[in-house]
Amino acid sequence: MKYKNEDDVMQALKISDWNSVDKDSMLKFGAMLPEMDSLLAQKLIEQFPNFKELALGVLASAEASHNATLDSNDKSQNHVYEAWSDTRQILKGELKDKDLTWEQRKYIIDLLIDIAEKTSAKDSEAKEFLKNALVTTGKITLALVATALVFVSVKALDGKELK
């Protein structure tokens, strides 16, 4: 186990006392749980002031951050797609020119194919971004749920000695 005692955990969280725990510290604590003894984790969670409020705050903050990230990504994607759409429309208009040589037509068609390939690549990039955003949000939620489960276990035992 990486964290052997309360001082190790407090040092890793960079806090001087348990009243200094904020949303970020709580998330970090949740991520640290697998690296500490369960009895130590229970002892430390008992010291969290306002655990419920902190947990709800962390979830609300994670949700707001996730939604803002998705919204920003949508706007960015839309700008790119609109620009490529405008370019496609211009190139299609150019193809209607009866005076174009075959080489000029082929060049315009090649540009249209290039835009289609870039659109596909951008779509794949956006899907990868969304997947990563979802994974990150999932990790935050999982860390918080793990912390909450330990907290609930401590409350359920409420003074009962562990064997």
C-alpha atoms as a PDB file:
ATOM      1  CA  MET A   1       0.000   0.000   0.000  1.00  0.00           C
ATOM      2  CA  LYS A   2       1.326   3.383  -1.004  1.00  0.00           C
ATOM      3  CA  TYR A   3      -0.436   5.357   1.743  1.00  0.00           C
ATOM      4  CA  LYS A   4       0.287   3.824   5.130  1.00  0.00           C
ATOM      5  CA  ASN A   5      -1.096   6.460   7.484  1.00  0.00           C
ATOM      6  CA  GLU A   6      -3.059   9.687   7.791  1.00  0.00           C
ATOM      7  CA  ASP A   7       0.036  11.853   7.363  1.00  0.00           C
ATOM      8  CA  ASP A   8       0.886  10.178   4.037  1.00  0.00           C
ATOM      9  CA  VAL A   9      -2.606  10.903   2.742  1.00  0.00           C
ATOM     10  CA  MET A  10      -2.697  14.489   4.015  1.00  0.00           C
ATOM     11  CA  GLN A  11       0.703  15.144   2.466  1.00  0.00           C
ATOM     12  CA  ALA A  12      -0.425  13.712  -0.887  1.00  0.00           C
ATOM     13  CA  LEU A  13      -3.581  15.835  -0.753  1.00  0.00           C
ATOM     14  CA  LYS A  14      -1.539  18.870   0.314  1.00  0.00           C
ATOM     15  CA  ILE A  15      -3.862  19.672   3.193  1.00  0.00           C
ATOM     16  CA  SER A  16      -3.045  20.591   6.790  1.00  0.00           C
ATOM     17  CA  ASP A  17      -6.320  19.332   8.287  1.00  0.00           C
ATOM     18  CA  TRP A  18      -9.537  17.649   7.167  1.00  0.00           C
ATOM     19  CA  ASN A  19     -11.430  20.940   7.211  1.00  0.00           C
ATOM     20  CA  SER A  20      -9.245  21.951   4.234  1.00  0.00           C
ATOM     21  CA  VAL A  21     -10.779  19.258   2.018  1.00  0.00           C
ATOM     22  CA  ASP A  22     -12.321  20.746  -1.115  1.00  0.00           C
ATOM     23  CA  LYS A  23     -13.813  19.213  -4.269  1.00  0.00           C
ATOM     24  CA  ASP A  24     -10.419  18.646  -5.890  1.00  0.00           C
ATOM     25  CA  SER A  25      -8.992  17.068  -2.727  1.00  0.00           C
ATOM     26  CA  MET A  26     -12.008  14.804  -2.469  1.00  0.00           C
ATOM     27  CA  LEU A  27     -11.601  13.615  -6.059  1.00  0.00           C
ATOM     28  CA  LYS A  28      -7.926  12.973  -5.505  1.00  0.00           C
ATOM     29  CA  PHE A  29      -8.753  11.122  -2.281  1.00  0.00           C
ATOM     30  CA  GLY A  30     -11.221   8.922  -4.163  1.00  0.00           C
ATOM     31  CA  ALA A  31      -8.545   8.071  -6.706  1.00  0.00           C
ATOM     32  CA  MET A  32      -6.131   7.220  -3.878  1.00  0.00           C
ATOM     33  CA  LEU A  33      -8.488   4.745  -2.154  1.00  0.00           C
ATOM     34  CA  PRO A  34      -7.174   1.616  -3.919  1.00  0.00           C
ATOM     35  CA  GLU A  35      -3.692   2.493  -2.659  1.00  0.00           C
ATOM     36  CA  MET A  36      -4.570   2.506   1.050  1.00  0.00           C
ATOM     37  CA  ASP A  37      -5.783   0.055   3.632  1.00  0.00           C
ATOM     38  CA  SER A  38      -9.586  -0.003   3.972  1.00  0.00           C
ATOM     39  CA  LEU A  39      -9.392   0.658   7.724  1.00  0.00           C
ATOM     40  CA  LEU A  40      -7.294   3.750   7.057  1.00  0.00           C
ATOM     41  CA  ALA A  41      -9.740   4.902   4.394  1.00  0.00           C
ATOM     42  CA  GLN A  42     -12.669   4.445   6.781  1.00  0.00           C
ATOM     43  CA  LYS A  43     -10.879   6.344   9.529  1.00  0.00           C
ATOM     44  CA  LEU A  44     -10.113   9.219   7.184  1.00  0.00           C
ATOM     45  CA  ILE A  45     -13.595   9.436   5.675  1.00  0.00           C
ATOM     46  CA  GLU A  46     -15.060   9.736   9.164  1.00  0.00           C
ATOM     47  CA  GLN A  47     -13.102  12.986   9.425  1.00  0.00           C
ATOM     48  CA  PHE A  48     -14.548  14.525   6.231  1.00  0.00           C
ATOM     49  CA  PRO A  49     -16.731  17.455   7.223  1.00  0.00           C
ATOM     50  CA  ASN A  50     -19.917  17.795   5.146  1.00  0.00           C
ATOM     51  CA  PHE A  51     -19.202  14.707   3.048  1.00  0.00           C
ATOM     52  CA  LYS A  52     -22.615  14.736   1.371  1.00  0.00           C
ATOM     53  CA  GLU A  53     -22.342  18.399   0.340  1.00  0.00           C
ATOM     54  CA  LEU A  54     -18.820  17.891  -0.963  1.00  0.00           C
ATOM     55  CA  ALA A  55     -19.850  14.803  -2.935  1.00  0.00           C
ATOM     56  CA  LEU A  56     -22.826  16.557  -4.498  1.00  0.00           C
ATOM     57  CA  GLY A  57     -20.638  19.552  -5.305  1.00  0.00           C
ATOM     58  CA  VAL A  58     -18.070  17.348  -7.011  1.00  0.00           C
ATOM     59  CA  LEU A  59     -20.762  15.651  -9.097  1.00  0.00           C
ATOM     60  CA  ALA A  60     -22.341  18.967 -10.075  1.00  0.00           C
ATOM     61  CA  SER A  61     -18.955  20.400 -10.977  1.00  0.00           C
ATOM     62  CA  ALA A  62     -18.030  17.335 -13.053  1.00  0.00           C
ATOM     63  CA  GLU A  63     -21.371  17.459 -14.857  1.00  0.00           C
ATOM     64  CA  ALA A  64     -21.051  21.182 -15.605  1.00  0.00           C
ATOM     65  CA  SER A  65     -17.498  20.733 -16.848  1.00  0.00           C
ATOM     66  CA  HIS A  66     -18.489  17.772 -19.012  1.00  0.00           C
ATOM     67  CA  ASN A  67     -21.441  19.667 -20.517  1.00  0.00           C
ATOM     68  CA  ALA A  68     -19.320  22.758 -21.216  1.00  0.00           C
ATOM     69  CA  THR A  69     -16.689  20.598 -22.909  1.00  0.00           C
ATOM     70  CA  LEU A  70     -19.296  18.917 -25.101  1.00  0.00           C
ATOM     71  CA  ASP A  71     -20.899  22.250 -25.994  1.00  0.00           C
ATOM     72  CA  SER A  72     -17.554  23.788 -26.912  1.00  0.00           C
ATOM     73  CA  ASN A  73     -16.672  20.763 -29.025  1.00  0.00           C
ATOM     74  CA  ASP A  74     -20.021  20.970 -30.846  1.00  0.00           C
ATOM     75  CA  LYS A  75     -19.514  24.644 -31.663  1.00  0.00           C
ATOM     76  CA  SER A  76     -15.980  24.047 -32.901  1.00  0.00           C
ATOM     77  CA  GLN A  77     -17.066  21.103 -35.028  1.00  0.00           C
ATOM     78  CA  ASN A  78     -19.941  23.100 -36.527  1.00  0.00           C
ATOM     79  CA  HIS A  79     -17.602  25.936 -37.550  1.00  0.00           C
ATOM     80  CA  VAL A  80     -15.323  23.496 -39.354  1.00  0.00           C
ATOM     81  CA  TYR A  81     -18.200  21.718 -41.095  1.00  0.00           C
ATOM     82  CA  GLU A  82     -19.775  25.023 -42.169  1.00  0.00           C
ATOM     83  CA  ALA A  83     -16.486  26.224 -43.646  1.00  0.00           C
ATOM     84  CA  TRP A  84     -16.069  22.995 -45.591  1.00  0.00           C
ATOM     85  CA  SER A  85     -19.692  23.140 -46.725  1.00  0.00           C
ATOM     86  CA  ASP A  86     -19.166  26.683 -48.034  1.00  0.00           C
ATOM     87  CA  THR A  87     -16.047  25.557 -49.859  1.00  0.00           C
ATOM     88  CA  ARG A  88     -17.895  22.593 -51.403  1.00  0.00           C
ATOM     89  CA  GLN A  89     -20.655  24.883 -52.644  1.00  0.00           C
ATOM     90  CA  ILE A  90     -18.121  27.210 -54.265  1.00  0.00           C
ATOM     91  CA  LEU A  91     -16.322  24.306 -55.929  1.00  0.00           C
ATOM     92  CA  LYS A  92     -19.602  22.816 -57.188  1.00  0.00           C
ATOM     93  CA  GLY A  93     -20.420  26.189 -58.707  1.00  0.00           C
ATOM     94  CA  GLU A  94     -17.038  26.234 -60.421  1.00  0.00           C
ATOM     95  CA  LEU A  95     -17.711  22.800 -61.928  1.00  0.00           C
ATOM     96  CA  LYS A  96     -20.705  24.280 -63.784  1.00  0.00           C
ATOM     97  CA  ASP A  97     -18.339  26.459 -65.843  1.00  0.00           C
ATOM     98  CA  LYS A  98     -18.490  24.970 -69.354  1.00  0.00           C
ATOM     99  CA  ASP A  99     -15.090  26.467 -70.272  1.00  0.00           C
ATOM    100  CA  LEU A 100     -13.134  24.350 -67.782  1.00  0.00           C
ATOM    101  CA  THR A 101     -10.575  21.936 -69.167  1.00  0.00           C
ATOM    102  CA  TRP A 102     -10.557  18.313 -68.038  1.00  0.00           C
ATOM    103  CA  GLU A 103      -7.485  19.030 -65.881  1.00  0.00           C
ATOM    104  CA  GLN A 104      -9.286  21.931 -64.169  1.00  0.00           C
ATOM    105  CA  ARG A 105     -12.377  19.784 -63.563  1.00  0.00           C
ATOM    106  CA  LYS A 106     -10.235  16.968 -62.182  1.00  0.00           C
ATOM    107  CA  TYR A 107      -8.441  19.422 -59.891  1.00  0.00           C
ATOM    108  CA  ILE A 108     -11.783  20.660 -58.493  1.00  0.00           C
ATOM    109  CA  ILE A 109     -13.038  17.089 -58.076  1.00  0.00           C
ATOM    110  CA  ASP A 110      -9.801  16.215 -56.251  1.00  0.00           C
ATOM    111  CA  LEU A 111     -10.385  19.183 -53.929  1.00  0.00           C
ATOM    112  CA  LEU A 112     -13.926  17.936 -53.229  1.00  0.00           C
ATOM    113  CA  ILE A 113     -12.588  14.455 -52.460  1.00  0.00           C
ATOM    114  CA  ASP A 114      -9.965  15.988 -50.162  1.00  0.00           C
ATOM    115  CA  ILE A 115     -12.679  17.901 -48.279  1.00  0.00           C
ATOM    116  CA  ALA A 116     -14.729  14.702 -47.930  1.00  0.00           C
ATOM    117  CA  GLU A 117     -11.691  12.865 -46.521  1.00  0.00           C
ATOM    118  CA  LYS A 118     -10.954  15.712 -44.096  1.00  0.00           C
ATOM    119  CA  THR A 119     -14.588  15.738 -42.992  1.00  0.00           C
ATOM    120  CA  SER A 120     -14.416  12.027 -42.273  1.00  0.00           C
ATOM    121  CA  ALA A 121     -11.147  12.422 -40.360  1.00  0.00           C
ATOM    122  CA  LYS A 122     -12.578  15.325 -38.348  1.00  0.00           C
ATOM    123  CA  ASP A 123     -15.618  13.235 -37.494  1.00  0.00           C
ATOM    124  CA  SER A 124     -13.378  10.403 -36.247  1.00  0.00           C
ATOM    125  CA  GLU A 125     -11.338  12.909 -34.243  1.00  0.00           C
ATOM    126  CA  ALA A 126     -14.520  14.303 -32.673  1.00  0.00           C
ATOM    127  CA  LYS A 127     -15.706  10.823 -31.724  1.00  0.00           C
ATOM    128  CA  GLU A 128     -12.341  10.067 -30.090  1.00  0.00           C
ATOM    129  CA  PHE A 129     -12.543  13.353 -28.174  1.00  0.00           C
ATOM    130  CA  LEU A 130     -16.054  12.522 -26.961  1.00  0.00           C
ATOM    131  CA  LYS A 131     -14.956   9.036 -25.925  1.00  0.00           C
ATOM    132  CA  ASN A 132     -12.065  10.493 -23.911  1.00  0.00           C
ATOM    133  CA  ALA A 133     -14.349  13.084 -22.309  1.00  0.00           C
ATOM    134  CA  LEU A 134     -16.774  10.350 -21.318  1.00  0.00           C
ATOM    135  CA  VAL A 135     -13.979   8.188 -19.881  1.00  0.00           C
ATOM    136  CA  THR A 136     -12.665  11.113 -17.823  1.00  0.00           C
ATOM    137  CA  THR A 137     -16.119  11.904 -16.458  1.00  0.00           C
ATOM    138  CA  GLY A 138     -16.612   8.209 -15.711  1.00  0.00           C
ATOM    139  CA  LYS A 139     -13.363   8.069 -13.740  1.00  0.00           C
ATOM    140  CA  ILE A 140     -14.389  11.089 -11.680  1.00  0.00           C
ATOM    141  CA  THR A 141     -17.774   9.555 -10.971  1.00  0.00           C
ATOM    142  CA  LEU A 142     -16.244   6.173 -10.133  1.00  0.00           C
ATOM    143  CA  ALA A 143     -13.771   7.756  -7.710  1.00  0.00           C
ATOM    144  CA  LEU A 144     -16.605   9.598  -6.012  1.00  0.00           C
ATOM    145  CA  VAL A 145     -18.793   6.490  -5.854  1.00  0.00           C
ATOM    146  CA  ALA A 146     -15.917   4.506  -4.344  1.00  0.00           C
ATOM    147  CA  THR A 147     -15.449   7.210  -1.726  1.00  0.00           C
ATOM    148  CA  ALA A 148     -19.189   7.270  -1.044  1.00  0.00           C
ATOM    149  CA  LEU A 149     -19.306   3.483  -0.640  1.00  0.00           C
ATOM    150  CA  VAL A 150     -16.546   3.566   1.929  1.00  0.00           C
ATOM    151  CA  PHE A 151     -18.345   6.422   3.696  1.00  0.00           C
ATOM    152  CA  VAL A 152     -21.624   4.499   3.745  1.00  0.00           C
ATOM    153  CA  SER A 153     -19.805   1.421   5.070  1.00  0.00           C
ATOM    154  CA  VAL A 154     -18.328   3.495   7.871  1.00  0.00           C
ATOM    155  CA  LYS A 155     -21.754   4.917   8.737  1.00  0.00           C
ATOM    156  CA  ALA A 156     -23.353   1.451   8.615  1.00  0.00           C
ATOM    157  CA  LEU A 157     -20.760   0.061  11.002  1.00  0.00           C
ATOM    158  CA  ASP A 158     -21.023   3.195  13.176  1.00  0.00           C
ATOM    159  CA  GLY A 159     -18.844   2.185  16.020  1.00  0.00           C
ATOM    160  CA  LYS A 160     -18.887  -1.562  15.420  1.00  0.00           C
ATOM    161  CA  GLU A 161     -15.428  -3.046  15.555  1.00  0.00           C
ATOM    162  CA  LEU A 162     -14.077  -4.495  12.314  1.00  0.00           C
ATOM    163  CA  LYS A 163     -12.527  -7.938  12.417  1.00  0.00           C
END
